[in-house]
């Protein structure tokens, strides 16, 4: 079974720093044994967190960028206290739940998702 993972801005910053877990996850995606989804708002937030992190994320060959859609915006409106990068990742997760497609949100700061109903996995 292939794992689908959503990397939020904290995970993208760690990947940029060559964190072994996130690097390994990207390698698995390159082999076709997993999928990596990258929310577009997380790319911007990763770049703001560390120069180069967002640009690196946007250039990943074996990751799928996920644009911020109207559907994501509608979901995110239910979480007024949640910052936009976490809201985008959470909305991707909710849409996957509605579609019956399992995925895992990965974050080094899972507390950012309080109130969304999403519990991200903190891998480190």
PDB file of N, CA and C in Angstrom:
ATOM      1  N   UNK A   1       0.841  -1.184   0.000  1.00  0.00           N
ATOM      2  CA  UNK A   1       0.000   0.000   0.000  1.00  0.00           C
ATOM      3  C   UNK A   1       0.886   1.247   0.000  1.00  0.00           C
ATOM      4  N   UNK A   2       0.574   2.178  -0.852  1.00  0.00           N
ATOM      5  CA  UNK A   2       1.328   3.424  -0.938  1.00  0.00           C
ATOM      6  C   UNK A   2       0.795   4.430   0.074  1.00  0.00           C
ATOM      7  N   UNK A   3       1.699   5.140   0.687  1.00  0.00           N
ATOM      8  CA  UNK A   3       1.361   6.201   1.620  1.00  0.00           C
ATOM      9  C   UNK A   3       1.279   7.510   0.859  1.00  0.00           C
ATOM     10  N   UNK A   4       0.258   8.299   1.159  1.00  0.00           N
ATOM     11  CA  UNK A   4       0.178   9.652   0.635  1.00  0.00           C
ATOM     12  C   UNK A   4       0.393  10.593   1.804  1.00  0.00           C
ATOM     13  N   UNK A   5       1.366  11.455   1.669  1.00  0.00           N
ATOM     14  CA  UNK A   5       1.708  12.389   2.736  1.00  0.00           C
ATOM     15  C   UNK A   5       1.603  13.816   2.234  1.00  0.00           C
ATOM     16  N   UNK A   6       1.018  14.674   3.066  1.00  0.00           N
ATOM     17  CA  UNK A   6       0.971  16.108   2.815  1.00  0.00           C
ATOM     18  C   UNK A   6       2.052  16.728   3.691  1.00  0.00           C
ATOM     19  N   UNK A   7       2.983  17.432   3.071  1.00  0.00           N
ATOM     20  CA  UNK A   7       4.041  18.096   3.829  1.00  0.00           C
ATOM     21  C   UNK A   7       3.670  19.553   4.038  1.00  0.00           C
ATOM     22  N   UNK A   8       3.519  19.943   5.291  1.00  0.00           N
ATOM     23  CA  UNK A   8       3.221  21.343   5.550  1.00  0.00           C
ATOM     24  C   UNK A   8       4.511  22.156   5.532  1.00  0.00           C
ATOM     25  N   UNK A   9       4.411  23.435   5.827  1.00  0.00           N
ATOM     26  CA  UNK A   9       5.565  24.336   5.738  1.00  0.00           C
ATOM     27  C   UNK A   9       6.685  23.943   6.692  1.00  0.00           C
ATOM     28  N   UNK A  10       6.346  23.388   7.850  1.00  0.00           N
ATOM     29  CA  UNK A  10       7.391  22.973   8.792  1.00  0.00           C
ATOM     30  C   UNK A  10       8.139  21.759   8.256  1.00  0.00           C
ATOM     31  N   UNK A  11       7.397  20.857   7.621  1.00  0.00           N
ATOM     32  CA  UNK A  11       8.011  19.670   7.021  1.00  0.00           C
ATOM     33  C   UNK A  11       8.860  20.051   5.804  1.00  0.00           C
ATOM     34  N   UNK A  12       8.391  21.015   5.021  1.00  0.00           N
ATOM     35  CA  UNK A  12       9.160  21.459   3.860  1.00  0.00           C
ATOM     36  C   UNK A  12      10.469  22.116   4.284  1.00  0.00           C
ATOM     37  N   UNK A  13      10.425  22.880   5.367  1.00  0.00           N
ATOM     38  CA  UNK A  13      11.658  23.490   5.871  1.00  0.00           C
ATOM     39  C   UNK A  13      12.631  22.405   6.332  1.00  0.00           C
ATOM     40  N   UNK A  14      12.117  21.361   6.966  1.00  0.00           N
ATOM     41  CA  UNK A  14      12.975  20.253   7.403  1.00  0.00           C
ATOM     42  C   UNK A  14      13.544  19.495   6.209  1.00  0.00           C
ATOM     43  N   UNK A  15      12.736  19.298   5.175  1.00  0.00           N
ATOM     44  CA  UNK A  15      13.228  18.634   3.968  1.00  0.00           C
ATOM     45  C   UNK A  15      14.356  19.442   3.344  1.00  0.00           C
ATOM     46  N   UNK A  16      14.208  20.745   3.332  1.00  0.00           N
ATOM     47  CA  UNK A  16      15.247  21.622   2.780  1.00  0.00           C
ATOM     48  C   UNK A  16      16.555  21.488   3.562  1.00  0.00           C
ATOM     49  N   UNK A  17      16.427  21.272   4.855  1.00  0.00           N
ATOM     50  CA  UNK A  17      17.612  21.084   5.708  1.00  0.00           C
ATOM     51  C   UNK A  17      18.135  19.653   5.644  1.00  0.00           C
ATOM     52  N   UNK A  18      17.605  18.846   4.737  1.00  0.00           N
ATOM     53  CA  UNK A  18      18.016  17.456   4.508  1.00  0.00           C
ATOM     54  C   UNK A  18      17.721  16.547   5.699  1.00  0.00           C
ATOM     55  N   UNK A  19      16.602  16.793   6.378  1.00  0.00           N
ATOM     56  CA  UNK A  19      16.160  15.899   7.441  1.00  0.00           C
ATOM     57  C   UNK A  19      16.041  14.480   6.867  1.00  0.00           C
ATOM     58  N   UNK A  20      16.621  13.469   7.530  1.00  0.00           N
ATOM     59  CA  UNK A  20      16.627  12.108   6.981  1.00  0.00           C
ATOM     60  C   UNK A  20      15.236  11.525   6.752  1.00  0.00           C
ATOM     61  N   UNK A  21      14.294  11.792   7.644  1.00  0.00           N
ATOM     62  CA  UNK A  21      12.949  11.241   7.474  1.00  0.00           C
ATOM     63  C   UNK A  21      12.305  11.786   6.206  1.00  0.00           C
ATOM     64  N   UNK A  22      12.312  13.110   6.067  1.00  0.00           N
ATOM     65  CA  UNK A  22      11.655  13.722   4.916  1.00  0.00           C
ATOM     66  C   UNK A  22      12.398  13.435   3.613  1.00  0.00           C
ATOM     67  N   UNK A  23      13.702  13.359   3.684  1.00  0.00           N
ATOM     68  CA  UNK A  23      14.480  12.978   2.502  1.00  0.00           C
ATOM     69  C   UNK A  23      14.108  11.559   2.072  1.00  0.00           C
ATOM     70  N   UNK A  24      14.000  10.659   3.039  1.00  0.00           N
ATOM     71  CA  UNK A  24      13.606   9.284   2.736  1.00  0.00           C
ATOM     72  C   UNK A  24      12.216   9.202   2.139  1.00  0.00           C
ATOM     73  N   UNK A  25      11.309  10.023   2.642  1.00  0.00           N
ATOM     74  CA  UNK A  25       9.950  10.047   2.104  1.00  0.00           C
ATOM     75  C   UNK A  25       9.953  10.491   0.645  1.00  0.00           C
ATOM     76  N   UNK A  26      10.766  11.485   0.342  1.00  0.00           N
ATOM     77  CA  UNK A  26      10.855  11.947  -1.048  1.00  0.00           C
ATOM     78  C   UNK A  26      11.473  10.867  -1.932  1.00  0.00           C
ATOM     79  N   UNK A  27      12.439  10.141  -1.411  1.00  0.00           N
ATOM     80  CA  UNK A  27      13.035   9.030  -2.169  1.00  0.00           C
ATOM     81  C   UNK A  27      11.977   7.971  -2.456  1.00  0.00           C
ATOM     82  N   UNK A  28      11.141   7.655  -1.473  1.00  0.00           N
ATOM     83  CA  UNK A  28      10.065   6.677  -1.692  1.00  0.00           C
ATOM     84  C   UNK A  28       9.119   7.161  -2.788  1.00  0.00           C
ATOM     85  N   UNK A  29       8.824   8.447  -2.795  1.00  0.00           N
ATOM     86  CA  UNK A  29       7.966   8.994  -3.849  1.00  0.00           C
ATOM     87  C   UNK A  29       8.636   8.849  -5.213  1.00  0.00           C
ATOM     88  N   UNK A  30       9.947   9.025  -5.258  1.00  0.00           N
ATOM     89  CA  UNK A  30      10.663   8.890  -6.535  1.00  0.00           C
ATOM     90  C   UNK A  30      10.615   7.461  -7.049  1.00  0.00           C
ATOM     91  N   UNK A  31      10.476   6.512  -6.152  1.00  0.00           N
ATOM     92  CA  UNK A  31      10.394   5.089  -6.529  1.00  0.00           C
ATOM     93  C   UNK A  31       8.966   4.668  -6.852  1.00  0.00           C
ATOM     94  N   UNK A  32       8.017   5.544  -6.613  1.00  0.00           N
ATOM     95  CA  UNK A  32       6.621   5.215  -6.875  1.00  0.00           C
ATOM     96  C   UNK A  32       5.957   4.446  -5.745  1.00  0.00           C
ATOM     97  N   UNK A  33       6.599   4.374  -4.595  1.00  0.00           N
ATOM     98  CA  UNK A  33       6.023   3.633  -3.467  1.00  0.00           C
ATOM     99  C   UNK A  33       5.325   4.551  -2.472  1.00  0.00           C
ATOM    100  N   UNK A  34       5.188   5.793  -2.810  1.00  0.00           N
ATOM    101  CA  UNK A  34       4.488   6.753  -1.980  1.00  0.00           C
ATOM    102  C   UNK A  34       4.230   8.013  -2.774  1.00  0.00           C
ATOM    103  N   UNK A  35       3.357   8.860  -2.233  1.00  0.00           N
ATOM    104  CA  UNK A  35       3.045  10.136  -2.873  1.00  0.00           C
ATOM    105  C   UNK A  35       3.315  11.245  -1.885  1.00  0.00           C
ATOM    106  N   UNK A  36       3.856  12.339  -2.367  1.00  0.00           N
ATOM    107  CA  UNK A  36       4.088  13.525  -1.553  1.00  0.00           C
ATOM    108  C   UNK A  36       3.290  14.666  -2.166  1.00  0.00           C
ATOM    109  N   UNK A  37       2.406  15.240  -1.359  1.00  0.00           N
ATOM    110  CA  UNK A  37       1.606  16.387  -1.786  1.00  0.00           C
ATOM    111  C   UNK A  37       2.128  17.627  -1.072  1.00  0.00           C
ATOM    112  N   UNK A  38       2.243  18.697  -1.820  1.00  0.00           N
ATOM    113  CA  UNK A  38       2.763  19.945  -1.266  1.00  0.00           C
ATOM    114  C   UNK A  38       1.755  21.062  -1.499  1.00  0.00           C
ATOM    115  N   UNK A  39       1.112  21.534  -0.422  1.00  0.00           N
ATOM    116  CA  UNK A  39       0.179  22.647  -0.560  1.00  0.00           C
ATOM    117  C   UNK A  39       0.900  23.921  -0.998  1.00  0.00           C
ATOM    118  N   UNK A  40       0.334  24.625  -1.948  1.00  0.00           N
ATOM    119  CA  UNK A  40       0.988  25.837  -2.460  1.00  0.00           C
ATOM    120  C   UNK A  40       1.214  26.876  -1.369  1.00  0.00           C
ATOM    121  N   UNK A  41       0.284  27.001  -0.431  1.00  0.00           N
ATOM    122  CA  UNK A  41       0.478  27.978   0.637  1.00  0.00           C
ATOM    123  C   UNK A  41       1.605  27.548   1.579  1.00  0.00           C
ATOM    124  N   UNK A  42       1.850  26.253   1.679  1.00  0.00           N
ATOM    125  CA  UNK A  42       2.971  25.766   2.489  1.00  0.00           C
ATOM    126  C   UNK A  42       4.307  26.107   1.830  1.00  0.00           C
ATOM    127  N   UNK A  43       4.326  26.149   0.514  1.00  0.00           N
ATOM    128  CA  UNK A  43       5.541  26.537  -0.200  1.00  0.00           C
ATOM    129  C   UNK A  43       5.910  27.974   0.167  1.00  0.00           C
ATOM    130  N   UNK A  44       4.929  28.859   0.139  1.00  0.00           N
ATOM    131  CA  UNK A  44       5.176  30.263   0.482  1.00  0.00           C
ATOM    132  C   UNK A  44       5.623  30.377   1.939  1.00  0.00           C
ATOM    133  N   UNK A  45       4.934  29.689   2.832  1.00  0.00           N
ATOM    134  CA  UNK A  45       5.267  29.762   4.258  1.00  0.00           C
ATOM    135  C   UNK A  45       6.643  29.164   4.541  1.00  0.00           C
ATOM    136  N   UNK A  46       7.017  28.108   3.833  1.00  0.00           N
ATOM    137  CA  UNK A  46       8.353  27.522   4.017  1.00  0.00           C
ATOM    138  C   UNK A  46       9.427  28.512   3.592  1.00  0.00           C
ATOM    139  N   UNK A  47       9.197  29.225   2.516  1.00  0.00           N
ATOM    140  CA  UNK A  47      10.165  30.215   2.054  1.00  0.00           C
ATOM    141  C   UNK A  47      10.306  31.348   3.069  1.00  0.00           C
ATOM    142  N   UNK A  48       9.215  31.732   3.678  1.00  0.00           N
ATOM    143  CA  UNK A  48       9.263  32.778   4.700  1.00  0.00           C
ATOM    144  C   UNK A  48       9.967  32.288   5.958  1.00  0.00           C
ATOM    145  N   UNK A  49       9.887  31.000   6.205  1.00  0.00           N
ATOM    146  CA  UNK A  49      10.532  30.402   7.378  1.00  0.00           C
ATOM    147  C   UNK A  49      12.040  30.297   7.162  1.00  0.00           C
ATOM    148  N   UNK A  50      12.450  30.034   5.943  1.00  0.00           N
ATOM    149  CA  UNK A  50      13.872  29.922   5.643  1.00  0.00           C
ATOM    150  C   UNK A  50      14.115  30.133   4.169  1.00  0.00           C
ATOM    151  N   UNK A  51      14.899  31.127   3.832  1.00  0.00           N
ATOM    152  CA  UNK A  51      15.165  31.444   2.426  1.00  0.00           C
ATOM    153  C   UNK A  51      15.663  30.205   1.690  1.00  0.00           C
ATOM    154  N   UNK A  52      15.013  29.891   0.603  1.00  0.00           N
ATOM    155  CA  UNK A  52      15.373  28.755  -0.225  1.00  0.00           C
ATOM    156  C   UNK A  52      14.485  27.540  -0.010  1.00  0.00           C
ATOM    157  N   UNK A  53      13.843  27.428   1.151  1.00  0.00           N
ATOM    158  CA  UNK A  53      13.036  26.242   1.464  1.00  0.00           C
ATOM    159  C   UNK A  53      11.815  26.123   0.545  1.00  0.00           C
ATOM    160  N   UNK A  54      11.147  27.224   0.295  1.00  0.00           N
ATOM    161  CA  UNK A  54       9.980  27.191  -0.577  1.00  0.00           C
ATOM    162  C   UNK A  54      10.357  26.951  -2.027  1.00  0.00           C
ATOM    163  N   UNK A  55      11.424  27.603  -2.468  1.00  0.00           N
ATOM    164  CA  UNK A  55      11.882  27.394  -3.849  1.00  0.00           C
ATOM    165  C   UNK A  55      12.280  25.938  -4.057  1.00  0.00           C
ATOM    166  N   UNK A  56      12.949  25.376  -3.062  1.00  0.00           N
ATOM    167  CA  UNK A  56      13.328  23.962  -3.138  1.00  0.00           C
ATOM    168  C   UNK A  56      12.082  23.082  -3.233  1.00  0.00           C
ATOM    169  N   UNK A  57      11.095  23.345  -2.381  1.00  0.00           N
ATOM    170  CA  UNK A  57       9.862  22.561  -2.387  1.00  0.00           C
ATOM    171  C   UNK A  57       9.150  22.648  -3.729  1.00  0.00           C
ATOM    172  N   UNK A  58       9.121  23.839  -4.299  1.00  0.00           N
ATOM    173  CA  UNK A  58       8.442  24.033  -5.585  1.00  0.00           C
ATOM    174  C   UNK A  58       9.146  23.313  -6.726  1.00  0.00           C
ATOM    175  N   UNK A  59      10.419  22.984  -6.536  1.00  0.00           N
ATOM    176  CA  UNK A  59      11.174  22.337  -7.612  1.00  0.00           C
ATOM    177  C   UNK A  59      11.260  20.820  -7.468  1.00  0.00           C
ATOM    178  N   UNK A  60      10.674  20.258  -6.428  1.00  0.00           N
ATOM    179  CA  UNK A  60      10.787  18.818  -6.208  1.00  0.00           C
ATOM    180  C   UNK A  60      10.126  18.047  -7.346  1.00  0.00           C
ATOM    181  N   UNK A  61      10.882  17.204  -7.949  1.00  0.00           N
ATOM    182  CA  UNK A  61      10.422  16.483  -9.134  1.00  0.00           C
ATOM    183  C   UNK A  61       9.378  15.413  -8.815  1.00  0.00           C
ATOM    184  N   UNK A  62       9.486  14.788  -7.660  1.00  0.00           N
ATOM    185  CA  UNK A  62       8.605  13.674  -7.338  1.00  0.00           C
ATOM    186  C   UNK A  62       7.568  14.027  -6.283  1.00  0.00           C
ATOM    187  N   UNK A  63       7.159  15.276  -6.274  1.00  0.00           N
ATOM    188  CA  UNK A  63       6.109  15.744  -5.383  1.00  0.00           C
ATOM    189  C   UNK A  63       5.049  16.449  -6.219  1.00  0.00           C
ATOM    190  N   UNK A  64       3.837  16.400  -5.736  1.00  0.00           N
ATOM    191  CA  UNK A  64       2.717  17.005  -6.450  1.00  0.00           C
ATOM    192  C   UNK A  64       2.280  18.284  -5.738  1.00  0.00           C
ATOM    193  N   UNK A  65       2.358  19.397  -6.445  1.00  0.00           N
ATOM    194  CA  UNK A  65       1.866  20.649  -5.893  1.00  0.00           C
ATOM    195  C   UNK A  65       0.350  20.664  -5.889  1.00  0.00           C
ATOM    196  N   UNK A  66      -0.214  21.188  -4.815  1.00  0.00           N
ATOM    197  CA  UNK A  66      -1.672  21.276  -4.695  1.00  0.00           C
ATOM    198  C   UNK A  66      -2.047  22.751  -4.552  1.00  0.00           C
ATOM    199  N   UNK A  67      -2.676  23.328  -5.582  1.00  0.00           N
ATOM    200  CA  UNK A  67      -3.071  24.727  -5.511  1.00  0.00           C
ATOM    201  C   UNK A  67      -4.169  24.944  -4.470  1.00  0.00           C
ATOM    202  N   UNK A  68      -4.228  26.154  -3.928  1.00  0.00           N
ATOM    203  CA  UNK A  68      -5.273  26.519  -2.983  1.00  0.00           C
ATOM    204  C   UNK A  68      -6.539  26.775  -3.779  1.00  0.00           C
ATOM    205  N   UNK A  69      -7.527  25.910  -3.610  1.00  0.00           N
ATOM    206  CA  UNK A  69      -8.750  25.988  -4.405  1.00  0.00           C
ATOM    207  C   UNK A  69      -9.878  26.659  -3.625  1.00  0.00           C
ATOM    208  N   UNK A  70     -10.954  26.923  -4.319  1.00  0.00           N
ATOM    209  CA  UNK A  70     -12.136  27.469  -3.668  1.00  0.00           C
ATOM    210  C   UNK A  70     -12.663  26.491  -2.618  1.00  0.00           C
ATOM    211  N   UNK A  71     -12.617  25.204  -2.914  1.00  0.00           N
ATOM    212  CA  UNK A  71     -13.040  24.196  -1.945  1.00  0.00           C
ATOM    213  C   UNK A  71     -12.194  24.230  -0.686  1.00  0.00           C
ATOM    214  N   UNK A  72     -10.885  24.422  -0.850  1.00  0.00           N
ATOM    215  CA  UNK A  72     -10.010  24.555   0.321  1.00  0.00           C
ATOM    216  C   UNK A  72     -10.385  25.801   1.120  1.00  0.00           C
ATOM    217  N   UNK A  73     -10.665  26.889   0.411  1.00  0.00           N
ATOM    218  CA  UNK A  73     -11.031  28.136   1.083  1.00  0.00           C
ATOM    219  C   UNK A  73     -12.318  27.975   1.883  1.00  0.00           C
ATOM    220  N   UNK A  74     -13.290  27.274   1.313  1.00  0.00           N
ATOM    221  CA  UNK A  74     -14.557  27.055   2.018  1.00  0.00           C
ATOM    222  C   UNK A  74     -14.314  26.260   3.298  1.00  0.00           C
ATOM    223  N   UNK A  75     -13.511  25.204   3.225  1.00  0.00           N
ATOM    224  CA  UNK A  75     -13.189  24.436   4.431  1.00  0.00           C
ATOM    225  C   UNK A  75     -12.447  25.299   5.444  1.00  0.00           C
ATOM    226  N   UNK A  76     -11.470  26.069   4.983  1.00  0.00           N
ATOM    227  CA  UNK A  76     -10.634  26.875   5.868  1.00  0.00           C
ATOM    228  C   UNK A  76     -11.416  27.976   6.585  1.00  0.00           C
ATOM    229  N   UNK A  77     -12.528  28.409   6.013  1.00  0.00           N
ATOM    230  CA  UNK A  77     -13.331  29.440   6.673  1.00  0.00           C
ATOM    231  C   UNK A  77     -13.893  28.964   8.009  1.00  0.00           C
ATOM    232  N   UNK A  78     -13.973  27.661   8.194  1.00  0.00           N
ATOM    233  CA  UNK A  78     -14.472  27.109   9.457  1.00  0.00           C
ATOM    234  C   UNK A  78     -13.436  27.177  10.574  1.00  0.00           C
ATOM    235  N   UNK A  79     -12.208  27.569  10.255  1.00  0.00           N
ATOM    236  CA  UNK A  79     -11.124  27.593  11.237  1.00  0.00           C
ATOM    237  C   UNK A  79     -10.505  28.990  11.305  1.00  0.00           C
ATOM    238  N   UNK A  80     -11.225  29.990  11.806  1.00  0.00           N
ATOM    239  CA  UNK A  80     -10.729  31.366  11.770  1.00  0.00           C
ATOM    240  C   UNK A  80      -9.450  31.591  12.564  1.00  0.00           C
ATOM    241  N   UNK A  81      -9.156  30.755  13.535  1.00  0.00           N
ATOM    242  CA  UNK A  81      -7.948  30.939  14.336  1.00  0.00           C
ATOM    243  C   UNK A  81      -6.741  30.182  13.823  1.00  0.00           C
ATOM    244  N   UNK A  82      -6.878  29.512  12.683  1.00  0.00           N
ATOM    245  CA  UNK A  82      -5.791  28.697  12.139  1.00  0.00           C
ATOM    246  C   UNK A  82      -5.073  29.479  11.045  1.00  0.00           C
ATOM    247  N   UNK A  83      -3.747  29.546  11.137  1.00  0.00           N
ATOM    248  CA  UNK A  83      -2.957  30.259  10.130  1.00  0.00           C
ATOM    249  C   UNK A  83      -3.110  29.597   8.764  1.00  0.00           C
ATOM    250  N   UNK A  84      -3.001  30.398   7.723  1.00  0.00           N
ATOM    251  CA  UNK A  84      -3.282  29.953   6.357  1.00  0.00           C
ATOM    252  C   UNK A  84      -2.465  28.750   5.889  1.00  0.00           C
ATOM    253  N   UNK A  85      -1.167  28.590   6.214  1.00  0.00           N
ATOM    254  CA  UNK A  85      -0.481  27.400   5.706  1.00  0.00           C
ATOM    255  C   UNK A  85      -1.048  26.106   6.299  1.00  0.00           C
ATOM    256  N   UNK A  86      -1.360  26.117   7.590  1.00  0.00           N
ATOM    257  CA  UNK A  86      -1.942  24.927   8.220  1.00  0.00           C
ATOM    258  C   UNK A  86      -3.369  24.715   7.718  1.00  0.00           C
ATOM    259  N   UNK A  87      -4.102  25.790   7.494  1.00  0.00           N
ATOM    260  CA  UNK A  87      -5.470  25.661   6.994  1.00  0.00           C
ATOM    261  C   UNK A  87      -5.495  24.999   5.622  1.00  0.00           C
ATOM    262  N   UNK A  88      -4.527  25.311   4.771  1.00  0.00           N
ATOM    263  CA  UNK A  88      -4.489  24.690   3.447  1.00  0.00           C
ATOM    264  C   UNK A  88      -4.216  23.191   3.565  1.00  0.00           C
ATOM    265  N   UNK A  89      -3.228  22.819   4.357  1.00  0.00           N
ATOM    266  CA  UNK A  89      -2.915  21.394   4.533  1.00  0.00           C
ATOM    267  C   UNK A  89      -4.104  20.654   5.150  1.00  0.00           C
ATOM    268  N   UNK A  90      -4.754  21.266   6.141  1.00  0.00           N
ATOM    269  CA  UNK A  90      -5.916  20.640   6.774  1.00  0.00           C
ATOM    270  C   UNK A  90      -7.068  20.486   5.785  1.00  0.00           C
ATOM    271  N   UNK A  91      -7.280  21.483   4.951  1.00  0.00           N
ATOM    272  CA  UNK A  91      -8.356  21.410   3.961  1.00  0.00           C
ATOM    273  C   UNK A  91      -8.082  20.304   2.933  1.00  0.00           C
ATOM    274  N   UNK A  92      -6.836  20.130   2.552  1.00  0.00           N
ATOM    275  CA  UNK A  92      -6.480  19.019   1.653  1.00  0.00           C
ATOM    276  C   UNK A  92      -6.847  17.702   2.327  1.00  0.00           C
ATOM    277  N   UNK A  93      -6.524  17.587   3.604  1.00  0.00           N
ATOM    278  CA  UNK A  93      -6.834  16.351   4.340  1.00  0.00           C
ATOM    279  C   UNK A  93      -8.342  16.118   4.417  1.00  0.00           C
ATOM    280  N   UNK A  94      -9.101  17.173   4.705  1.00  0.00           N
ATOM    281  CA  UNK A  94     -10.554  17.017   4.788  1.00  0.00           C
ATOM    282  C   UNK A  94     -11.156  16.606   3.454  1.00  0.00           C
ATOM    283  N   UNK A  95     -10.675  17.185   2.374  1.00  0.00           N
ATOM    284  CA  UNK A  95     -11.206  16.790   1.066  1.00  0.00           C
ATOM    285  C   UNK A  95     -10.867  15.344   0.748  1.00  0.00           C
ATOM    286  N   UNK A  96      -9.695  14.886   1.191  1.00  0.00           N
ATOM    287  CA  UNK A  96      -9.328  13.476   0.994  1.00  0.00           C
ATOM    288  C   UNK A  96     -10.236  12.564   1.810  1.00  0.00           C
ATOM    289  N   UNK A  97     -10.537  12.966   3.045  1.00  0.00           N
ATOM    290  CA  UNK A  97     -11.451  12.183   3.891  1.00  0.00           C
ATOM    291  C   UNK A  97     -12.806  12.058   3.202  1.00  0.00           C
ATOM    292  N   UNK A  98     -13.317  13.171   2.699  1.00  0.00           N
ATOM    293  CA  UNK A  98     -14.620  13.169   2.019  1.00  0.00           C
ATOM    294  C   UNK A  98     -14.611  12.261   0.789  1.00  0.00           C
ATOM    295  N   UNK A  99     -13.450  12.172   0.126  1.00  0.00           N
ATOM    296  CA  UNK A  99     -13.326  11.344  -1.074  1.00  0.00           C
ATOM    297  C   UNK A  99     -12.943   9.898  -0.756  1.00  0.00           C
ATOM    298  N   UNK A 100     -12.724   9.602   0.529  1.00  0.00           N
ATOM    299  CA  UNK A 100     -12.340   8.243   0.916  1.00  0.00           C
ATOM    300  C   UNK A 100     -10.911   7.893   0.550  1.00  0.00           C
ATOM    301  N   UNK A 101     -10.059   8.900   0.442  1.00  0.00           N
ATOM    302  CA  UNK A 101      -8.654   8.690   0.084  1.00  0.00           C
ATOM    303  C   UNK A 101      -7.784   8.947   1.308  1.00  0.00           C
ATOM    304  N   UNK A 102      -7.217   7.899   1.892  1.00  0.00           N
ATOM    305  CA  UNK A 102      -6.408   8.111   3.092  1.00  0.00           C
ATOM    306  C   UNK A 102      -5.114   8.859   2.799  1.00  0.00           C
ATOM    307  N   UNK A 103      -4.784   9.768   3.681  1.00  0.00           N
ATOM    308  CA  UNK A 103      -3.498  10.456   3.606  1.00  0.00           C
ATOM    309  C   UNK A 103      -3.121  10.915   4.996  1.00  0.00           C
ATOM    310  N   UNK A 104      -1.874  11.303   5.136  1.00  0.00           N
ATOM    311  CA  UNK A 104      -1.351  11.758   6.419  1.00  0.00           C
ATOM    312  C   UNK A 104      -0.734  13.136   6.233  1.00  0.00           C
ATOM    313  N   UNK A 105      -1.098  14.055   7.110  1.00  0.00           N
ATOM    314  CA  UNK A 105      -0.455  15.366   7.140  1.00  0.00           C
ATOM    315  C   UNK A 105       0.752  15.237   8.062  1.00  0.00           C
ATOM    316  N   UNK A 106       1.906  15.679   7.588  1.00  0.00           N
ATOM    317  CA  UNK A 106       3.128  15.650   8.383  1.00  0.00           C
ATOM    318  C   UNK A 106       3.507  17.074   8.766  1.00  0.00           C
ATOM    319  N   UNK A 107       3.769  17.265  10.055  1.00  0.00           N
ATOM    320  CA  UNK A 107       4.102  18.593  10.563  1.00  0.00           C
ATOM    321  C   UNK A 107       5.003  18.465  11.774  1.00  0.00           C
ATOM    322  N   UNK A 108       5.955  19.364  11.877  1.00  0.00           N
ATOM    323  CA  UNK A 108       6.791  19.415  13.076  1.00  0.00           C
ATOM    324  C   UNK A 108       6.125  20.246  14.171  1.00  0.00           C
ATOM    325  N   UNK A 109       5.000  20.880  13.836  1.00  0.00           N
ATOM    326  CA  UNK A 109       4.259  21.686  14.800  1.00  0.00           C
ATOM    327  C   UNK A 109       2.767  21.336  14.724  1.00  0.00           C
ATOM    328  N   UNK A 110       2.400  20.135  15.172  1.00  0.00           N
ATOM    329  CA  UNK A 110       1.006  19.700  15.039  1.00  0.00           C
ATOM    330  C   UNK A 110       0.006  20.575  15.795  1.00  0.00           C
ATOM    331  N   UNK A 111       0.485  21.338  16.765  1.00  0.00           N
ATOM    332  CA  UNK A 111      -0.416  22.226  17.504  1.00  0.00           C
ATOM    333  C   UNK A 111      -1.017  23.307  16.605  1.00  0.00           C
ATOM    334  N   UNK A 112      -0.407  23.569  15.454  1.00  0.00           N
ATOM    335  CA  UNK A 112      -0.945  24.547  14.507  1.00  0.00           C
ATOM    336  C   UNK A 112      -2.312  24.139  13.964  1.00  0.00           C
ATOM    337  N   UNK A 113      -2.654  22.862  14.104  1.00  0.00           N
ATOM    338  CA  UNK A 113      -3.873  22.312  13.519  1.00  0.00           C
ATOM    339  C   UNK A 113      -5.028  22.221  14.515  1.00  0.00           C
ATOM    340  N   UNK A 114      -4.844  22.755  15.724  1.00  0.00           N
ATOM    341  CA  UNK A 114      -5.894  22.726  16.739  1.00  0.00           C
ATOM    342  C   UNK A 114      -7.159  23.383  16.189  1.00  0.00           C
ATOM    343  N   UNK A 115      -8.261  22.704  16.323  1.00  0.00           N
ATOM    344  CA  UNK A 115      -9.536  23.224  15.858  1.00  0.00           C
ATOM    345  C   UNK A 115      -9.921  22.811  14.454  1.00  0.00           C
ATOM    346  N   UNK A 116      -9.029  22.132  13.729  1.00  0.00           N
ATOM    347  CA  UNK A 116      -9.357  21.732  12.355  1.00  0.00           C
ATOM    348  C   UNK A 116      -9.944  20.326  12.284  1.00  0.00           C
ATOM    349  N   UNK A 117      -9.777  19.557  13.347  1.00  0.00           N
ATOM    350  CA  UNK A 117     -10.201  18.160  13.306  1.00  0.00           C
ATOM    351  C   UNK A 117      -9.163  17.255  12.668  1.00  0.00           C
ATOM    352  N   UNK A 118      -8.050  17.818  12.272  1.00  0.00           N
ATOM    353  CA  UNK A 118      -6.944  17.059  11.680  1.00  0.00           C
ATOM    354  C   UNK A 118      -5.852  16.913  12.743  1.00  0.00           C
ATOM    355  N   UNK A 119      -5.343  15.705  12.878  1.00  0.00           N
ATOM    356  CA  UNK A 119      -4.229  15.458  13.799  1.00  0.00           C
ATOM    357  C   UNK A 119      -3.030  15.051  12.965  1.00  0.00           C
ATOM    358  N   UNK A 120      -2.117  15.976  12.709  1.00  0.00           N
ATOM    359  CA  UNK A 120      -0.949  15.642  11.908  1.00  0.00           C
ATOM    360  C   UNK A 120      -0.003  14.717  12.663  1.00  0.00           C
ATOM    361  N   UNK A 121       0.774  14.000  11.919  1.00  0.00           N
ATOM    362  CA  UNK A 121       1.805  13.148  12.467  1.00  0.00           C
ATOM    363  C   UNK A 121       3.085  13.979  12.575  1.00  0.00           C
ATOM    364  N   UNK A 122       3.696  13.943  13.763  1.00  0.00           N
ATOM    365  CA  UNK A 122       4.996  14.600  13.963  1.00  0.00           C
ATOM    366  C   UNK A 122       6.053  13.507  13.913  1.00  0.00           C
ATOM    367  N   UNK A 123       6.770  13.386  12.810  1.00  0.00           N
ATOM    368  CA  UNK A 123       7.664  12.237  12.626  1.00  0.00           C
ATOM    369  C   UNK A 123       8.957  12.259  13.419  1.00  0.00           C
ATOM    370  N   UNK A 124       9.352  13.392  13.969  1.00  0.00           N
ATOM    371  CA  UNK A 124      10.616  13.431  14.693  1.00  0.00           C
ATOM    372  C   UNK A 124      10.416  13.667  16.165  1.00  0.00           C
TER     373      UNK A 124
END
